[in-house]
C-alpha atoms as a PDB file:
ATOM      1  CA  MET A   1    -196.985  36.483  24.135  1.00  0.00           C
ATOM      2  CA  PHE A   2    -199.631  36.140  21.323  1.00  0.00           C
ATOM      3  CA  THR A   3    -201.149  33.235  22.591  1.00  0.00           C
ATOM      4  CA  PHE A   4    -204.201  34.767  24.018  1.00  0.00           C
ATOM      5  CA  LEU A   5    -204.797  36.937  20.993  1.00  0.00           C
ATOM      6  CA  PRO A   6    -207.143  35.814  18.261  1.00  0.00           C
ATOM      7  CA  GLU A   7    -205.671  34.517  15.069  1.00  0.00           C
ATOM      8  CA  GLU A   8    -206.951  37.875  13.161  1.00  0.00           C
ATOM      9  CA  HIS A   9    -204.825  40.001  15.630  1.00  0.00           C
ATOM     10  CA  LYS A  10    -201.891  37.556  15.404  1.00  0.00           C
ATOM     11  CA  ASP A  11    -201.668  37.879  11.674  1.00  0.00           C
ATOM     12  CA  LYS A  12    -201.839  41.603  11.996  1.00  0.00           C
ATOM     13  CA  ALA A  13    -199.199  41.734  14.618  1.00  0.00           C
ATOM     14  CA  VAL A  14    -196.912  39.418  12.499  1.00  0.00           C
ATOM     15  CA  LYS A  15    -197.398  41.428   9.219  1.00  0.00           C
ATOM     16  CA  TYR A  16    -196.698  44.676  11.220  1.00  0.00           C
ATOM     17  CA  TYR A  17    -193.654  43.287  12.753  1.00  0.00           C
ATOM     18  CA  ARG A  18    -192.417  42.314   9.270  1.00  0.00           C
ATOM     19  CA  LEU A  19    -193.106  45.815   7.804  1.00  0.00           C
ATOM     20  CA  LYS A  20    -191.275  47.154  10.424  1.00  0.00           C
ATOM     21  CA  LEU A  21    -188.338  45.018   9.971  1.00  0.00           C
ATOM     22  CA  LEU A  22    -188.497  45.760   6.167  1.00  0.00           C
ATOM     23  CA  VAL A  23    -188.611  49.479   6.722  1.00  0.00           C
ATOM     24  CA  VAL A  24    -185.749  49.222   8.945  1.00  0.00           C
ATOM     25  CA  TYR A  25    -183.519  46.915   6.414  1.00  0.00           C
ATOM     26  CA  ILE A  26    -184.516  49.490   3.717  1.00  0.00           C
ATOM     27  CA  GLY A  27    -183.451  52.439   5.761  1.00  0.00           C
ATOM     28  CA  LEU A  28    -180.106  50.763   6.725  1.00  0.00           C
ATOM     29  CA  SER A  29    -179.219  49.888   3.113  1.00  0.00           C
ATOM     30  CA  CYS A  30    -179.967  53.568   1.972  1.00  0.00           C
ATOM     31  CA  VAL A  31    -177.699  54.949   4.807  1.00  0.00           C
ATOM     32  CA  LEU A  32    -175.008  52.624   3.716  1.00  0.00           C
ATOM     33  CA  LEU A  33    -175.390  53.132  -0.013  1.00  0.00           C
ATOM     34  CA  ALA A  34    -175.190  56.969   0.763  1.00  0.00           C
ATOM     35  CA  THR A  35    -172.343  56.547   3.214  1.00  0.00           C
ATOM     36  CA  GLY A  36    -170.398  54.776   0.449  1.00  0.00           C
ATOM     37  CA  PHE A  37    -171.049  57.332  -2.096  1.00  0.00           C
ATOM     38  CA  VAL A  38    -169.845  60.156   0.336  1.00  0.00           C
ATOM     39  CA  LEU A  39    -166.719  58.212   1.025  1.00  0.00           C
ATOM     40  CA  ALA A  40    -165.836  57.384  -2.662  1.00  0.00           C
ATOM     41  CA  ILE A  41    -166.039  60.988  -3.806  1.00  0.00           C
ATOM     42  CA  PRO A  42    -162.449  61.718  -2.775  1.00  0.00           C
ATOM     43  CA  SER A  43    -161.064  58.652  -4.288  1.00  0.00           C
ATOM     44  CA  TYR A  44    -162.612  59.494  -7.638  1.00  0.00           C
ATOM     45  CA  ALA A  45    -161.380  63.251  -7.242  1.00  0.00           C
ATOM     46  CA  ILE A  46    -157.884  61.951  -6.740  1.00  0.00           C
ATOM     47  CA  LEU A  47    -158.027  59.381  -9.610  1.00  0.00           C
ATOM     48  CA  PHE A  48    -159.339  62.089 -12.178  1.00  0.00           C
ATOM     49  CA  ALA A  49    -156.497  64.398 -10.960  1.00  0.00           C
ATOM     50  CA  LYS A  50    -153.849  61.798 -11.577  1.00  0.00           C
ATOM     51  CA  LYS A  51    -155.412  60.976 -14.980  1.00  0.00           C
ATOM     52  CA  GLN A  52    -155.333  64.777 -16.049  1.00  0.00           C
ATOM     53  CA  SER A  53    -151.703  65.285 -14.788  1.00  0.00           C
ATOM     54  CA  SER A  54    -150.671  62.032 -16.719  1.00  0.00           C
ATOM     55  CA  LEU A  55    -152.486  63.124 -19.927  1.00  0.00           C
ATOM     56  CA  LEU A  56    -150.573  66.574 -19.491  1.00  0.00           C
ATOM     57  CA  GLU A  57    -147.127  64.972 -18.950  1.00  0.00           C
ATOM     58  CA  LYS A  58    -147.739  62.772 -22.052  1.00  0.00           C
ATOM     59  CA  GLN A  59    -148.679  65.830 -24.109  1.00  0.00           C
ATOM     60  CA  ALA A  60    -145.578  67.775 -22.713  1.00  0.00           C
ATOM     61  CA  ALA A  61    -143.265  64.808 -23.611  1.00  0.00           C
ATOM     62  CA  THR A  62    -144.641  64.324 -27.006  1.00  0.00           C
ATOM     63  CA  SER A  63    -144.093  67.989 -27.799  1.00  0.00           C
ATOM     64  CA  SER A  64    -140.851  68.380 -26.500  1.00  0.00           C
ATOM     65  CA  GLY A  65    -139.229  64.764 -27.107  1.00  0.00           C
ATOM     66  CA  THR A  66    -140.807  64.338 -30.735  1.00  0.00           C
ATOM     67  CA  ASP A  67    -137.383  64.023 -32.017  1.00  0.00           C
ATOM     68  CA  ALA A  68    -136.159  61.509 -29.427  1.00  0.00           C
ATOM     69  CA  SER A  69    -139.038  59.358 -30.075  1.00  0.00           C
ATOM     70  CA  VAL A  70    -138.774  59.183 -33.658  1.00  0.00           C
ATOM     71  CA  ALA A  71    -134.949  58.165 -33.147  1.00  0.00           C
ATOM     72  CA  GLU A  72    -136.021  55.373 -30.785  1.00  0.00           C
ATOM     73  CA  GLU A  73    -138.854  54.214 -33.154  1.00  0.00           C
ATOM     74  CA  VAL A  74    -135.997  54.284 -36.306  1.00  0.00           C
ATOM     75  CA  LYS A  75    -133.680  52.327 -33.876  1.00  0.00           C
ATOM     76  CA  ILE A  76    -136.329  49.648 -33.216  1.00  0.00           C
ATOM     77  CA  LEU A  77    -137.217  49.624 -36.688  1.00  0.00           C
ATOM     78  CA  LYS A  78    -133.811  48.852 -37.790  1.00  0.00           C
ATOM     79  CA  GLU A  79    -133.352  46.129 -35.510  1.00  0.00           C
ATOM     80  CA  GLU A  80    -136.581  44.562 -36.677  1.00  0.00           C
ATOM     81  CA  ILE A  81    -135.004  44.757 -40.346  1.00  0.00           C
ATOM     82  CA  THR A  82    -131.863  43.084 -39.253  1.00  0.00           C
ATOM     83  CA  LEU A  83    -133.912  40.285 -37.593  1.00  0.00           C
ATOM     84  CA  ALA A  84    -136.116  40.041 -40.692  1.00  0.00           C
ATOM     85  CA  LYS A  85    -132.674  39.764 -42.980  1.00  0.00           C
ATOM     86  CA  THR A  86    -131.178  37.198 -40.896  1.00  0.00           C
ATOM     87  CA  ALA A  87    -134.236  35.156 -40.884  1.00  0.00           C
ATOM     88  CA  SER A  88    -134.394  35.438 -44.615  1.00  0.00           C
ATOM     89  CA  GLU A  89    -130.746  34.226 -45.038  1.00  0.00           C
ATOM     90  CA  GLN A  90    -131.426  31.291 -43.219  1.00  0.00           C
ATOM     91  CA  ILE A  91    -132.386  28.097 -44.901  1.00  0.00           C
ATOM     92  CA  PRO A  92    -135.396  26.107 -43.630  1.00  0.00           C
ATOM     93  CA  VAL A  93    -134.242  22.790 -41.839  1.00  0.00           C
ATOM     94  CA  THR A  94    -136.744  20.671 -44.253  1.00  0.00           C
ATOM     95  CA  THR A  95    -134.711  21.995 -47.190  1.00  0.00           C
ATOM     96  CA  LEU A  96    -131.530  21.097 -45.774  1.00  0.00           C
ATOM     97  CA  LEU A  97    -132.852  17.507 -44.774  1.00  0.00           C
ATOM     98  CA  ASP A  98    -134.166  17.247 -48.450  1.00  0.00           C
ATOM     99  CA  LYS A  99    -130.763  17.779 -49.860  1.00  0.00           C
ATOM    100  CA  VAL A 100    -129.149  15.291 -47.556  1.00  0.00           C
ATOM    101  CA  LEU A 101    -131.561  12.482 -48.438  1.00  0.00           C
ATOM    102  CA  SER A 102    -131.726  13.351 -52.228  1.00  0.00           C
ATOM    103  CA  ARG A 103    -128.001  12.496 -52.142  1.00  0.00           C
ATOM    104  CA  GLN A 104    -128.487   9.161 -50.614  1.00  0.00           C
ATOM    105  CA  SER A 105    -127.775   6.060 -52.621  1.00  0.00           C
ATOM    106  CA  SER A 106    -128.823   2.414 -52.491  1.00  0.00           C
ATOM    107  CA  SER A 107    -125.616   1.421 -50.730  1.00  0.00           C
ATOM    108  CA  ILE A 108    -125.827   4.159 -48.067  1.00  0.00           C
ATOM    109  CA  ARG A 109    -128.671   3.600 -45.174  1.00  0.00           C
ATOM    110  CA  ILE A 110    -129.319   6.347 -42.875  1.00  0.00           C
ATOM    111  CA  SER A 111    -130.387   5.360 -39.239  1.00  0.00           C
ATOM    112  CA  SER A 112    -130.739   8.532 -37.644  1.00  0.00           C
ATOM    113  CA  ILE A 113    -130.728  12.328 -37.998  1.00  0.00           C
ATOM    114  CA  THR A 114    -129.708  14.808 -35.231  1.00  0.00           C
ATOM    115  CA  ILE A 115    -130.422  18.630 -35.439  1.00  0.00           C
ATOM    116  CA  LYS A 116    -128.843  21.087 -33.279  1.00  0.00           C
ATOM    117  CA  ARG A 117    -129.643  24.861 -33.693  1.00  0.00           C
ATOM    118  CA  GLY A 118    -127.234  27.489 -32.593  1.00  0.00           C
ATOM    119  CA  ALA A 119    -127.514  31.123 -32.581  1.00  0.00           C
ATOM    120  CA  GLU A 120    -125.644  31.652 -36.298  1.00  0.00           C
ATOM    121  CA  THR A 121    -125.275  28.219 -37.533  1.00  0.00           C
ATOM    122  CA  GLY A 122    -126.590  24.706 -36.730  1.00  0.00           C
ATOM    123  CA  THR A 123    -125.347  21.046 -37.090  1.00  0.00           C
ATOM    124  CA  ILE A 124    -126.955  18.134 -38.461  1.00  0.00           C
ATOM    125  CA  SER A 125    -125.478  14.752 -37.588  1.00  0.00           C
ATOM    126  CA  VAL A 126    -126.513  12.086 -40.068  1.00  0.00           C
ATOM    127  CA  GLU A 127    -125.680   8.456 -38.750  1.00  0.00           C
ATOM    128  CA  GLY A 128    -125.884   5.309 -40.692  1.00  0.00           C
ATOM    129  CA  ARG A 129    -124.383   2.422 -42.425  1.00  0.00           C
ATOM    130  CA  ALA A 130    -122.458   2.184 -45.902  1.00  0.00           C
ATOM    131  CA  SER A 131    -122.110  -0.947 -47.865  1.00  0.00           C
ATOM    132  CA  SER A 132    -118.629  -0.032 -49.103  1.00  0.00           C
ATOM    133  CA  ARG A 133    -115.750   2.687 -48.448  1.00  0.00           C
ATOM    134  CA  ASP A 134    -116.259   4.081 -51.923  1.00  0.00           C
ATOM    135  CA  ALA A 135    -119.788   4.645 -51.478  1.00  0.00           C
ATOM    136  CA  LEU A 136    -119.514   6.552 -48.262  1.00  0.00           C
ATOM    137  CA  VAL A 137    -116.659   8.760 -49.732  1.00  0.00           C
ATOM    138  CA  ALA A 138    -119.012   9.386 -52.770  1.00  0.00           C
ATOM    139  CA  PHE A 139    -121.704  10.478 -50.187  1.00  0.00           C
ATOM    140  CA  SER A 140    -119.404  12.688 -48.386  1.00  0.00           C
ATOM    141  CA  LYS A 141    -118.209  14.501 -51.334  1.00  0.00           C
ATOM    142  CA  SER A 142    -121.637  14.939 -52.754  1.00  0.00           C
ATOM    143  CA  LEU A 143    -122.641  16.543 -49.607  1.00  0.00           C
ATOM    144  CA  GLN A 144    -119.639  18.606 -49.599  1.00  0.00           C
ATOM    145  CA  GLY A 145    -120.510  19.840 -53.026  1.00  0.00           C
ATOM    146  CA  GLU A 146    -123.700  21.182 -51.891  1.00  0.00           C
ATOM    147  CA  PRO A 147    -123.524  25.040 -51.422  1.00  0.00           C
ATOM    148  CA  ALA A 148    -126.077  25.228 -48.747  1.00  0.00           C
ATOM    149  CA  PHE A 149    -123.704  23.309 -46.323  1.00  0.00           C
ATOM    150  CA  THR A 150    -120.823  25.500 -45.093  1.00  0.00           C
ATOM    151  CA  LYS A 151    -119.029  22.349 -43.619  1.00  0.00           C
ATOM    152  CA  VAL A 152    -119.340  18.578 -43.982  1.00  0.00           C
ATOM    153  CA  ASP A 153    -117.194  16.588 -41.773  1.00  0.00           C
ATOM    154  CA  LEU A 154    -116.475  12.671 -42.084  1.00  0.00           C
ATOM    155  CA  PRO A 155    -114.204  11.203 -39.290  1.00  0.00           C
ATOM    156  CA  VAL A 156    -111.277   9.242 -40.940  1.00  0.00           C
ATOM    157  CA  GLY A 157    -111.999   6.626 -38.468  1.00  0.00           C
ATOM    158  CA  SER A 158    -115.327   5.873 -40.504  1.00  0.00           C
ATOM    159  CA  LEU A 159    -113.087   4.871 -43.240  1.00  0.00           C
ATOM    160  CA  ALA A 160    -111.099   2.177 -41.432  1.00  0.00           C
ATOM    161  CA  LYS A 161    -113.322  -0.693 -42.502  1.00  0.00           C
ATOM    162  CA  SER A 162    -113.834  -1.596 -46.340  1.00  0.00           C
ATOM    163  CA  LYS A 163    -117.474  -3.321 -45.959  1.00  0.00           C
ATOM    164  CA  ASP A 164    -120.524  -2.525 -44.045  1.00  0.00           C
ATOM    165  CA  ILE A 165    -119.362   0.566 -42.194  1.00  0.00           C
ATOM    166  CA  PRO A 166    -120.920   2.448 -39.470  1.00  0.00           C
ATOM    167  CA  TRP A 167    -120.472   6.363 -39.950  1.00  0.00           C
ATOM    168  CA  VAL A 168    -121.436   9.567 -38.570  1.00  0.00           C
ATOM    169  CA  ILE A 169    -121.323  12.791 -40.648  1.00  0.00           C
ATOM    170  CA  THR A 170    -121.479  16.324 -39.275  1.00  0.00           C
ATOM    171  CA  ILE A 171    -122.791  19.093 -41.461  1.00  0.00           C
ATOM    172  CA  SER A 172    -122.925  22.861 -40.496  1.00  0.00           C
ATOM    173  CA  SER A 173    -125.306  25.148 -42.137  1.00  0.00           C
ATOM    174  CA  LYS A 174    -127.274  28.345 -41.386  1.00  0.00           C
ATOM    175  CA  PHE A 175    -130.778  27.395 -40.338  1.00  0.00           C
END
């Protein structure tokens, strides 16, 4: 269609066409933007109303339920204090392991330690070999003399041999 026009007129026609296209795009963008704002106004109004009503409900609840909320907070704080007390009463596992290992003599060899933690108490299973029955009994009695251990159990079957004795001692404690 523009083939018969001189180059100068062709350039003007293309520029004019692009200008019209730009005006149409800008116009449509403005219309879409304005429509979006108009359609969003009810949503903002509803959101603002809900926010105001929730604030009023909170104010009413705090003014009428002050005693209930204070009682609830006191209850939560008492539970937290109880948890803190039980945590402070428990002995760290590393301390218990140090106590077991410090009682070990040269005739007692420990090969493995298994720790099982429970809700109130936990158990430590210590396994190894003893060179003699007397050394194993002395090790068991020294563990029983430790106040941090609530129970020390050495099965009688471990005392059947007199030398090179495989043994397992189960220790109960609060940790």
